[in-house]
């Protein structure tokens, strides 16, 4: 048994002493997006600090809880808070919860994030269904020895975000009357926001939004055969010629304002899985 398998087994065994159901849907709640947790009929709530090998959230608004329950008639496990590269965690640590979710029965994972808008037609408060991504983190969770029992050495990334789930999310957004963009997410390490020159570069790369998360989790999910739906909330506009300073408090406030729209889409999508 590999070191990774041993760690996953230890986390799974602890969780199974508390939560014994099969959970086909996983949810990752990003910065300022923990409100969806209130919609879950909660059965078990675990602190990350109690789960073997789980990192600890150090970022404001990331509560660090693993929530088990029912949402839209489906059993779900939700991460209320995630881990970022800039916190000093390794890539395998960042994606460890995604690995554990697989052992709990998760087949589909819904990932959210707060991000900056690069596309000039996007506005603060818009949602974007993620169609593809660009990894500029300088690292990824598959570097190093590969465990073939978890996933292949060279996973295909031609469809990192499920086309079926993207189509479903777009249909749901239309039914609910919610404006939803569709585009490309680019991930940088952070924690600083980008310069005007960097925003220009990222737009030249045809990225529509920029953030500091999501991509490692998606890579790990694809590697292990888990389908992914990703939705970004645009919390600030990153247009170089009219760029204004932004604080984390403003980002969280903007995420909180738009979060109900994302929650509505996730709930309806999960209902139809």
C-alpha atoms as a PDB file:
ATOM      1  CA  UNK A   1       0.000   0.000   0.000  1.00  0.00           C
ATOM      2  CA  UNK A   2       1.401   3.398  -1.033  1.00  0.00           C
ATOM      3  CA  UNK A   3       1.870   6.277   1.409  1.00  0.00           C
ATOM      4  CA  UNK A   4      -1.053   8.078  -0.254  1.00  0.00           C
ATOM      5  CA  UNK A   5      -3.300   5.030   0.036  1.00  0.00           C
ATOM      6  CA  UNK A   6      -2.380   4.664   3.694  1.00  0.00           C
ATOM      7  CA  UNK A   7      -3.297   8.299   4.402  1.00  0.00           C
ATOM      8  CA  UNK A   8      -6.574   8.028   2.471  1.00  0.00           C
ATOM      9  CA  UNK A   9      -7.445   4.825   4.335  1.00  0.00           C
ATOM     10  CA  UNK A  10      -6.820   6.471   7.718  1.00  0.00           C
ATOM     11  CA  UNK A  11      -9.020   9.470   6.857  1.00  0.00           C
ATOM     12  CA  UNK A  12     -11.747   7.222   5.449  1.00  0.00           C
ATOM     13  CA  UNK A  13     -11.788   4.962   8.503  1.00  0.00           C
ATOM     14  CA  UNK A  14     -12.183   7.928  10.837  1.00  0.00           C
ATOM     15  CA  UNK A  15     -14.947   9.486   8.732  1.00  0.00           C
ATOM     16  CA  UNK A  16     -16.761   6.155   8.546  1.00  0.00           C
ATOM     17  CA  UNK A  17     -17.085   6.066  12.318  1.00  0.00           C
ATOM     18  CA  UNK A  18     -19.292   9.175  11.971  1.00  0.00           C
ATOM     19  CA  UNK A  19     -20.800   9.150   8.452  1.00  0.00           C
ATOM     20  CA  UNK A  20     -21.760   5.727   7.138  1.00  0.00           C
ATOM     21  CA  UNK A  21     -23.797   6.522   3.993  1.00  0.00           C
ATOM     22  CA  UNK A  22     -22.655   6.576   0.366  1.00  0.00           C
ATOM     23  CA  UNK A  23     -22.306  10.157  -0.891  1.00  0.00           C
ATOM     24  CA  UNK A  24     -22.438  10.386  -4.709  1.00  0.00           C
ATOM     25  CA  UNK A  25     -22.005  14.176  -4.852  1.00  0.00           C
ATOM     26  CA  UNK A  26     -19.101  16.219  -3.536  1.00  0.00           C
ATOM     27  CA  UNK A  27     -19.093  20.010  -3.184  1.00  0.00           C
ATOM     28  CA  UNK A  28     -16.160  22.403  -2.709  1.00  0.00           C
ATOM     29  CA  UNK A  29     -17.124  25.862  -1.411  1.00  0.00           C
ATOM     30  CA  UNK A  30     -14.704  28.685  -2.166  1.00  0.00           C
ATOM     31  CA  UNK A  31     -13.985  32.117  -0.676  1.00  0.00           C
ATOM     32  CA  UNK A  32     -17.168  33.768   0.543  1.00  0.00           C
ATOM     33  CA  UNK A  33     -19.247  30.879  -0.779  1.00  0.00           C
ATOM     34  CA  UNK A  34     -19.981  28.886   2.367  1.00  0.00           C
ATOM     35  CA  UNK A  35     -23.664  29.815   2.330  1.00  0.00           C
ATOM     36  CA  UNK A  36     -24.650  26.715   0.368  1.00  0.00           C
ATOM     37  CA  UNK A  37     -23.861  24.723   3.502  1.00  0.00           C
ATOM     38  CA  UNK A  38     -27.009  26.196   5.104  1.00  0.00           C
ATOM     39  CA  UNK A  39     -29.106  24.543   2.380  1.00  0.00           C
ATOM     40  CA  UNK A  40     -27.838  21.068   3.244  1.00  0.00           C
ATOM     41  CA  UNK A  41     -29.924  18.941   5.626  1.00  0.00           C
ATOM     42  CA  UNK A  42     -26.897  18.292   7.794  1.00  0.00           C
ATOM     43  CA  UNK A  43     -26.407  14.871   9.385  1.00  0.00           C
ATOM     44  CA  UNK A  44     -22.724  14.959  10.363  1.00  0.00           C
ATOM     45  CA  UNK A  45     -20.264  17.871  10.547  1.00  0.00           C
ATOM     46  CA  UNK A  46     -16.550  17.187  11.070  1.00  0.00           C
ATOM     47  CA  UNK A  47     -13.770  19.684  11.712  1.00  0.00           C
ATOM     48  CA  UNK A  48     -10.802  19.302   9.378  1.00  0.00           C
ATOM     49  CA  UNK A  49      -8.572  19.295  12.446  1.00  0.00           C
ATOM     50  CA  UNK A  50     -10.135  16.007  13.588  1.00  0.00           C
ATOM     51  CA  UNK A  51      -9.665  14.116  10.301  1.00  0.00           C
ATOM     52  CA  UNK A  52      -6.327  12.293   9.895  1.00  0.00           C
ATOM     53  CA  UNK A  53      -4.007  13.903   7.315  1.00  0.00           C
ATOM     54  CA  UNK A  54      -6.439  16.750   6.477  1.00  0.00           C
ATOM     55  CA  UNK A  55      -4.816  20.178   6.193  1.00  0.00           C
ATOM     56  CA  UNK A  56      -6.353  23.131   8.053  1.00  0.00           C
ATOM     57  CA  UNK A  57      -7.947  26.137   6.335  1.00  0.00           C
ATOM     58  CA  UNK A  58      -6.080  29.342   7.198  1.00  0.00           C
ATOM     59  CA  UNK A  59      -7.975  31.776   4.966  1.00  0.00           C
ATOM     60  CA  UNK A  60     -10.716  34.151   6.092  1.00  0.00           C
ATOM     61  CA  UNK A  61     -14.249  32.826   5.339  1.00  0.00           C
ATOM     62  CA  UNK A  62     -13.021  29.206   4.995  1.00  0.00           C
ATOM     63  CA  UNK A  63     -14.567  27.527   8.036  1.00  0.00           C
ATOM     64  CA  UNK A  64     -12.729  24.214   7.732  1.00  0.00           C
ATOM     65  CA  UNK A  65     -15.641  21.807   8.075  1.00  0.00           C
ATOM     66  CA  UNK A  66     -16.652  18.668   6.187  1.00  0.00           C
ATOM     67  CA  UNK A  67     -20.440  18.495   6.019  1.00  0.00           C
ATOM     68  CA  UNK A  68     -22.454  15.342   5.310  1.00  0.00           C
ATOM     69  CA  UNK A  69     -26.156  15.415   4.549  1.00  0.00           C
ATOM     70  CA  UNK A  70     -28.845  15.719   1.906  1.00  0.00           C
ATOM     71  CA  UNK A  71     -29.272  18.401  -0.747  1.00  0.00           C
ATOM     72  CA  UNK A  72     -31.979  18.298  -3.416  1.00  0.00           C
ATOM     73  CA  UNK A  73     -32.735  14.708  -2.506  1.00  0.00           C
ATOM     74  CA  UNK A  74     -29.141  13.533  -2.958  1.00  0.00           C
ATOM     75  CA  UNK A  75     -26.565  12.518  -0.367  1.00  0.00           C
ATOM     76  CA  UNK A  76     -23.713  15.031  -0.460  1.00  0.00           C
ATOM     77  CA  UNK A  77     -20.406  15.722   1.248  1.00  0.00           C
ATOM     78  CA  UNK A  78     -19.364  19.380   1.210  1.00  0.00           C
ATOM     79  CA  UNK A  79     -16.061  21.069   1.984  1.00  0.00           C
ATOM     80  CA  UNK A  80     -16.808  24.369   3.725  1.00  0.00           C
ATOM     81  CA  UNK A  81     -13.402  25.804   2.987  1.00  0.00           C
ATOM     82  CA  UNK A  82     -10.562  24.641   0.773  1.00  0.00           C
ATOM     83  CA  UNK A  83      -6.757  24.776   0.722  1.00  0.00           C
ATOM     84  CA  UNK A  84      -4.549  26.949  -1.472  1.00  0.00           C
ATOM     85  CA  UNK A  85      -0.981  26.688  -2.758  1.00  0.00           C
ATOM     86  CA  UNK A  86      -0.142  30.100  -1.267  1.00  0.00           C
ATOM     87  CA  UNK A  87      -0.923  28.800   2.221  1.00  0.00           C
ATOM     88  CA  UNK A  88       2.233  26.703   1.938  1.00  0.00           C
ATOM     89  CA  UNK A  89       0.549  23.357   1.358  1.00  0.00           C
ATOM     90  CA  UNK A  90       1.861  20.887  -1.185  1.00  0.00           C
ATOM     91  CA  UNK A  91      -0.261  19.950  -4.157  1.00  0.00           C
ATOM     92  CA  UNK A  92      -1.005  16.447  -2.761  1.00  0.00           C
ATOM     93  CA  UNK A  93      -2.188  18.073   0.487  1.00  0.00           C
ATOM     94  CA  UNK A  94      -4.433  20.497  -1.401  1.00  0.00           C
ATOM     95  CA  UNK A  95      -6.226  17.695  -3.260  1.00  0.00           C
ATOM     96  CA  UNK A  96      -6.267  15.169  -0.414  1.00  0.00           C
ATOM     97  CA  UNK A  97      -9.967  15.804   0.409  1.00  0.00           C
ATOM     98  CA  UNK A  98     -10.873  15.129  -3.236  1.00  0.00           C
ATOM     99  CA  UNK A  99      -9.044  11.796  -2.953  1.00  0.00           C
ATOM    100  CA  UNK A 100     -10.957  10.946   0.226  1.00  0.00           C
ATOM    101  CA  UNK A 101     -14.281  11.935  -1.357  1.00  0.00           C
ATOM    102  CA  UNK A 102     -13.779   9.224  -3.966  1.00  0.00           C
ATOM    103  CA  UNK A 103     -13.681   6.582  -1.223  1.00  0.00           C
ATOM    104  CA  UNK A 104     -16.961   7.932   0.189  1.00  0.00           C
ATOM    105  CA  UNK A 105     -18.768   7.253  -3.087  1.00  0.00           C
ATOM    106  CA  UNK A 106     -18.414  10.648  -4.789  1.00  0.00           C
ATOM    107  CA  UNK A 107     -18.872  10.347  -8.557  1.00  0.00           C
ATOM    108  CA  UNK A 108     -19.552  14.016  -9.325  1.00  0.00           C
ATOM    109  CA  UNK A 109     -17.914  17.020  -7.713  1.00  0.00           C
ATOM    110  CA  UNK A 110     -19.268  20.585  -7.874  1.00  0.00           C
ATOM    111  CA  UNK A 111     -16.483  23.122  -7.396  1.00  0.00           C
ATOM    112  CA  UNK A 112     -16.924  26.844  -6.763  1.00  0.00           C
ATOM    113  CA  UNK A 113     -14.554  29.769  -6.495  1.00  0.00           C
ATOM    114  CA  UNK A 114     -14.355  33.543  -6.278  1.00  0.00           C
ATOM    115  CA  UNK A 115     -12.327  35.077  -9.094  1.00  0.00           C
ATOM    116  CA  UNK A 116     -11.408  38.224 -10.970  1.00  0.00           C
ATOM    117  CA  UNK A 117     -13.020  38.980 -14.324  1.00  0.00           C
ATOM    118  CA  UNK A 118     -10.677  39.448 -17.300  1.00  0.00           C
ATOM    119  CA  UNK A 119     -13.202  39.281 -20.128  1.00  0.00           C
ATOM    120  CA  UNK A 120     -14.407  42.855 -20.794  1.00  0.00           C
ATOM    121  CA  UNK A 121     -18.030  41.742 -21.177  1.00  0.00           C
ATOM    122  CA  UNK A 122     -18.056  40.210 -17.666  1.00  0.00           C
ATOM    123  CA  UNK A 123     -19.182  42.211 -14.676  1.00  0.00           C
ATOM    124  CA  UNK A 124     -18.801  41.980 -10.929  1.00  0.00           C
ATOM    125  CA  UNK A 125     -21.438  39.588  -9.581  1.00  0.00           C
ATOM    126  CA  UNK A 126     -21.660  37.506 -12.773  1.00  0.00           C
ATOM    127  CA  UNK A 127     -21.413  33.724 -12.678  1.00  0.00           C
ATOM    128  CA  UNK A 128     -19.188  31.812 -15.081  1.00  0.00           C
ATOM    129  CA  UNK A 129     -19.579  28.108 -15.797  1.00  0.00           C
ATOM    130  CA  UNK A 130     -16.021  26.856 -16.293  1.00  0.00           C
ATOM    131  CA  UNK A 131     -15.480  25.347 -19.740  1.00  0.00           C
ATOM    132  CA  UNK A 132     -11.704  24.871 -19.479  1.00  0.00           C
ATOM    133  CA  UNK A 133      -8.691  26.070 -17.521  1.00  0.00           C
ATOM    134  CA  UNK A 134      -5.056  27.148 -17.795  1.00  0.00           C
ATOM    135  CA  UNK A 135      -2.643  26.049 -15.078  1.00  0.00           C
ATOM    136  CA  UNK A 136      -0.075  28.765 -14.289  1.00  0.00           C
ATOM    137  CA  UNK A 137       0.489  27.617 -10.705  1.00  0.00           C
ATOM    138  CA  UNK A 138       3.880  26.182 -11.629  1.00  0.00           C
ATOM    139  CA  UNK A 139       3.009  22.807 -10.095  1.00  0.00           C
ATOM    140  CA  UNK A 140       0.328  20.121 -10.146  1.00  0.00           C
ATOM    141  CA  UNK A 141      -0.780  17.273  -7.857  1.00  0.00           C
ATOM    142  CA  UNK A 142       0.361  14.482 -10.197  1.00  0.00           C
ATOM    143  CA  UNK A 143       4.075  15.293  -9.998  1.00  0.00           C
ATOM    144  CA  UNK A 144       5.983  12.400  -8.453  1.00  0.00           C
ATOM    145  CA  UNK A 145       5.274   8.687  -8.158  1.00  0.00           C
ATOM    146  CA  UNK A 146       1.901   7.612  -9.551  1.00  0.00           C
ATOM    147  CA  UNK A 147      -0.413   5.141  -7.814  1.00  0.00           C
ATOM    148  CA  UNK A 148      -2.072   3.189 -10.639  1.00  0.00           C
ATOM    149  CA  UNK A 149      -4.835   2.047  -8.278  1.00  0.00           C
ATOM    150  CA  UNK A 150      -5.954   5.684  -8.022  1.00  0.00           C
ATOM    151  CA  UNK A 151      -5.477   6.822 -11.616  1.00  0.00           C
ATOM    152  CA  UNK A 152      -3.304   6.536 -14.753  1.00  0.00           C
ATOM    153  CA  UNK A 153       0.196   7.959 -15.079  1.00  0.00           C
ATOM    154  CA  UNK A 154      -0.870  10.142 -18.035  1.00  0.00           C
ATOM    155  CA  UNK A 155      -4.526  11.182 -17.600  1.00  0.00           C
ATOM    156  CA  UNK A 156      -6.232  12.800 -20.575  1.00  0.00           C
ATOM    157  CA  UNK A 157      -7.341  16.401 -19.957  1.00  0.00           C
ATOM    158  CA  UNK A 158      -9.332  17.065 -23.126  1.00  0.00           C
ATOM    159  CA  UNK A 159     -12.520  17.346 -21.025  1.00  0.00           C
ATOM    160  CA  UNK A 160     -11.561  18.471 -17.506  1.00  0.00           C
ATOM    161  CA  UNK A 161     -15.068  19.843 -16.935  1.00  0.00           C
ATOM    162  CA  UNK A 162     -17.876  17.479 -17.933  1.00  0.00           C
ATOM    163  CA  UNK A 163     -19.596  18.646 -21.129  1.00  0.00           C
ATOM    164  CA  UNK A 164     -22.760  16.937 -19.914  1.00  0.00           C
ATOM    165  CA  UNK A 165     -22.704  18.874 -16.639  1.00  0.00           C
ATOM    166  CA  UNK A 166     -21.898  22.155 -18.413  1.00  0.00           C
ATOM    167  CA  UNK A 167     -24.919  21.671 -20.671  1.00  0.00           C
ATOM    168  CA  UNK A 168     -27.108  20.817 -17.684  1.00  0.00           C
ATOM    169  CA  UNK A 169     -25.897  23.870 -15.735  1.00  0.00           C
ATOM    170  CA  UNK A 170     -26.597  26.157 -18.697  1.00  0.00           C
ATOM    171  CA  UNK A 171     -30.103  24.727 -19.069  1.00  0.00           C
ATOM    172  CA  UNK A 172     -30.764  25.191 -15.361  1.00  0.00           C
ATOM    173  CA  UNK A 173     -29.460  28.782 -15.388  1.00  0.00           C
ATOM    174  CA  UNK A 174     -31.743  29.595 -18.319  1.00  0.00           C
ATOM    175  CA  UNK A 175     -34.750  28.068 -16.543  1.00  0.00           C
ATOM    176  CA  UNK A 176     -33.996  30.052 -13.387  1.00  0.00           C
ATOM    177  CA  UNK A 177     -33.434  33.293 -15.290  1.00  0.00           C
ATOM    178  CA  UNK A 178     -29.849  33.550 -14.040  1.00  0.00           C
ATOM    179  CA  UNK A 179     -27.228  35.082 -16.319  1.00  0.00           C
ATOM    180  CA  UNK A 180     -24.308  32.651 -16.601  1.00  0.00           C
ATOM    181  CA  UNK A 181     -21.206  33.202 -18.698  1.00  0.00           C
ATOM    182  CA  UNK A 182     -19.120  30.290 -19.975  1.00  0.00           C
ATOM    183  CA  UNK A 183     -15.367  30.554 -20.226  1.00  0.00           C
ATOM    184  CA  UNK A 184     -11.785  29.763 -19.264  1.00  0.00           C
ATOM    185  CA  UNK A 185     -10.380  29.943 -15.723  1.00  0.00           C
ATOM    186  CA  UNK A 186      -6.666  30.593 -15.224  1.00  0.00           C
ATOM    187  CA  UNK A 187      -5.007  29.761 -11.901  1.00  0.00           C
ATOM    188  CA  UNK A 188      -2.004  31.616 -10.467  1.00  0.00           C
ATOM    189  CA  UNK A 189      -0.406  30.983  -7.096  1.00  0.00           C
ATOM    190  CA  UNK A 190      -1.224  34.263  -5.320  1.00  0.00           C
ATOM    191  CA  UNK A 191      -1.691  35.410  -2.609  1.00  0.00           C
ATOM    192  CA  UNK A 192      -1.097  38.836  -4.183  1.00  0.00           C
ATOM    193  CA  UNK A 193      -3.479  39.994  -6.869  1.00  0.00           C
ATOM    194  CA  UNK A 194      -2.041  40.482 -10.331  1.00  0.00           C
ATOM    195  CA  UNK A 195      -0.498  43.613 -11.844  1.00  0.00           C
ATOM    196  CA  UNK A 196      -1.982  45.483 -14.786  1.00  0.00           C
ATOM    197  CA  UNK A 197       0.656  43.968 -17.064  1.00  0.00           C
ATOM    198  CA  UNK A 198      -0.167  40.477 -15.808  1.00  0.00           C
ATOM    199  CA  UNK A 199      -3.869  41.016 -16.460  1.00  0.00           C
ATOM    200  CA  UNK A 200      -3.043  42.055 -20.022  1.00  0.00           C
ATOM    201  CA  UNK A 201      -0.923  38.919 -20.470  1.00  0.00           C
ATOM    202  CA  UNK A 202      -3.655  36.642 -19.106  1.00  0.00           C
ATOM    203  CA  UNK A 203      -6.213  38.169 -21.451  1.00  0.00           C
ATOM    204  CA  UNK A 204      -3.852  37.560 -24.376  1.00  0.00           C
ATOM    205  CA  UNK A 205      -3.830  33.911 -23.298  1.00  0.00           C
ATOM    206  CA  UNK A 206      -7.639  33.973 -23.764  1.00  0.00           C
ATOM    207  CA  UNK A 207      -8.423  33.493 -20.084  1.00  0.00           C
ATOM    208  CA  UNK A 208     -11.789  34.907 -19.036  1.00  0.00           C
ATOM    209  CA  UNK A 209     -11.293  34.878 -15.254  1.00  0.00           C
ATOM    210  CA  UNK A 210      -8.347  34.509 -12.884  1.00  0.00           C
ATOM    211  CA  UNK A 211      -8.122  32.863  -9.463  1.00  0.00           C
ATOM    212  CA  UNK A 212      -5.870  30.996  -7.040  1.00  0.00           C
ATOM    213  CA  UNK A 213      -7.571  27.607  -6.648  1.00  0.00           C
ATOM    214  CA  UNK A 214      -9.735  24.963  -8.364  1.00  0.00           C
ATOM    215  CA  UNK A 215      -7.252  23.676 -10.956  1.00  0.00           C
ATOM    216  CA  UNK A 216      -5.388  21.252  -8.628  1.00  0.00           C
ATOM    217  CA  UNK A 217      -8.689  19.783  -7.399  1.00  0.00           C
ATOM    218  CA  UNK A 218      -9.929  19.347 -10.957  1.00  0.00           C
ATOM    219  CA  UNK A 219      -6.705  17.636 -12.055  1.00  0.00           C
ATOM    220  CA  UNK A 220      -6.984  15.185  -9.146  1.00  0.00           C
ATOM    221  CA  UNK A 221     -10.675  14.573  -9.869  1.00  0.00           C
ATOM    222  CA  UNK A 222     -10.033  13.840 -13.550  1.00  0.00           C
ATOM    223  CA  UNK A 223      -7.103  11.602 -12.600  1.00  0.00           C
ATOM    224  CA  UNK A 224      -9.344   9.443 -10.411  1.00  0.00           C
ATOM    225  CA  UNK A 225     -12.324   9.437 -12.779  1.00  0.00           C
ATOM    226  CA  UNK A 226     -14.600  11.909 -10.960  1.00  0.00           C
ATOM    227  CA  UNK A 227     -16.805  14.183 -13.107  1.00  0.00           C
ATOM    228  CA  UNK A 228     -16.486  17.921 -12.462  1.00  0.00           C
ATOM    229  CA  UNK A 229     -18.788  20.936 -12.691  1.00  0.00           C
ATOM    230  CA  UNK A 230     -17.108  24.244 -11.923  1.00  0.00           C
ATOM    231  CA  UNK A 231     -18.741  27.634 -11.334  1.00  0.00           C
ATOM    232  CA  UNK A 232     -16.893  30.891 -10.692  1.00  0.00           C
ATOM    233  CA  UNK A 233     -18.320  34.040  -9.118  1.00  0.00           C
ATOM    234  CA  UNK A 234     -16.700  37.201 -10.452  1.00  0.00           C
ATOM    235  CA  UNK A 235     -15.968  39.364  -7.438  1.00  0.00           C
ATOM    236  CA  UNK A 236     -13.901  42.115  -9.073  1.00  0.00           C
ATOM    237  CA  UNK A 237     -13.188  43.469 -12.536  1.00  0.00           C
ATOM    238  CA  UNK A 238      -9.568  43.140 -13.658  1.00  0.00           C
ATOM    239  CA  UNK A 239      -9.515  45.590 -16.554  1.00  0.00           C
ATOM    240  CA  UNK A 240      -5.997  47.118 -16.742  1.00  0.00           C
ATOM    241  CA  UNK A 241      -6.990  50.594 -17.955  1.00  0.00           C
ATOM    242  CA  UNK A 242      -9.570  51.131 -15.201  1.00  0.00           C
ATOM    243  CA  UNK A 243      -8.071  48.960 -12.476  1.00  0.00           C
ATOM    244  CA  UNK A 244      -8.917  49.839  -8.886  1.00  0.00           C
ATOM    245  CA  UNK A 245      -7.429  48.490  -5.660  1.00  0.00           C
ATOM    246  CA  UNK A 246      -9.523  45.727  -4.065  1.00  0.00           C
ATOM    247  CA  UNK A 247      -9.476  44.214  -0.576  1.00  0.00           C
ATOM    248  CA  UNK A 248     -10.295  40.700   0.600  1.00  0.00           C
ATOM    249  CA  UNK A 249     -13.263  42.151   2.478  1.00  0.00           C
ATOM    250  CA  UNK A 250     -14.664  43.492  -0.806  1.00  0.00           C
ATOM    251  CA  UNK A 251     -14.087  40.142  -2.518  1.00  0.00           C
ATOM    252  CA  UNK A 252     -15.931  38.259   0.238  1.00  0.00           C
ATOM    253  CA  UNK A 253     -18.794  40.776   0.208  1.00  0.00           C
ATOM    254  CA  UNK A 254     -19.196  40.452  -3.564  1.00  0.00           C
ATOM    255  CA  UNK A 255     -19.109  36.650  -3.318  1.00  0.00           C
ATOM    256  CA  UNK A 256     -21.749  36.707  -0.599  1.00  0.00           C
ATOM    257  CA  UNK A 257     -24.010  38.882  -2.746  1.00  0.00           C
ATOM    258  CA  UNK A 258     -23.836  36.588  -5.790  1.00  0.00           C
ATOM    259  CA  UNK A 259     -23.705  33.295  -3.904  1.00  0.00           C
ATOM    260  CA  UNK A 260     -27.502  32.677  -3.892  1.00  0.00           C
ATOM    261  CA  UNK A 261     -27.450  32.476  -7.700  1.00  0.00           C
ATOM    262  CA  UNK A 262     -24.703  29.851  -7.646  1.00  0.00           C
ATOM    263  CA  UNK A 263     -26.507  27.939  -4.892  1.00  0.00           C
ATOM    264  CA  UNK A 264     -29.699  27.865  -6.958  1.00  0.00           C
ATOM    265  CA  UNK A 265     -27.885  26.399  -9.955  1.00  0.00           C
ATOM    266  CA  UNK A 266     -25.975  23.804  -7.934  1.00  0.00           C
ATOM    267  CA  UNK A 267     -29.161  22.698  -6.145  1.00  0.00           C
ATOM    268  CA  UNK A 268     -31.094  22.209  -9.370  1.00  0.00           C
ATOM    269  CA  UNK A 269     -28.170  20.462 -11.112  1.00  0.00           C
ATOM    270  CA  UNK A 270     -27.721  18.078  -8.172  1.00  0.00           C
ATOM    271  CA  UNK A 271     -31.442  17.352  -8.189  1.00  0.00           C
ATOM    272  CA  UNK A 272     -31.162  16.209 -11.821  1.00  0.00           C
ATOM    273  CA  UNK A 273     -28.041  14.097 -11.538  1.00  0.00           C
END
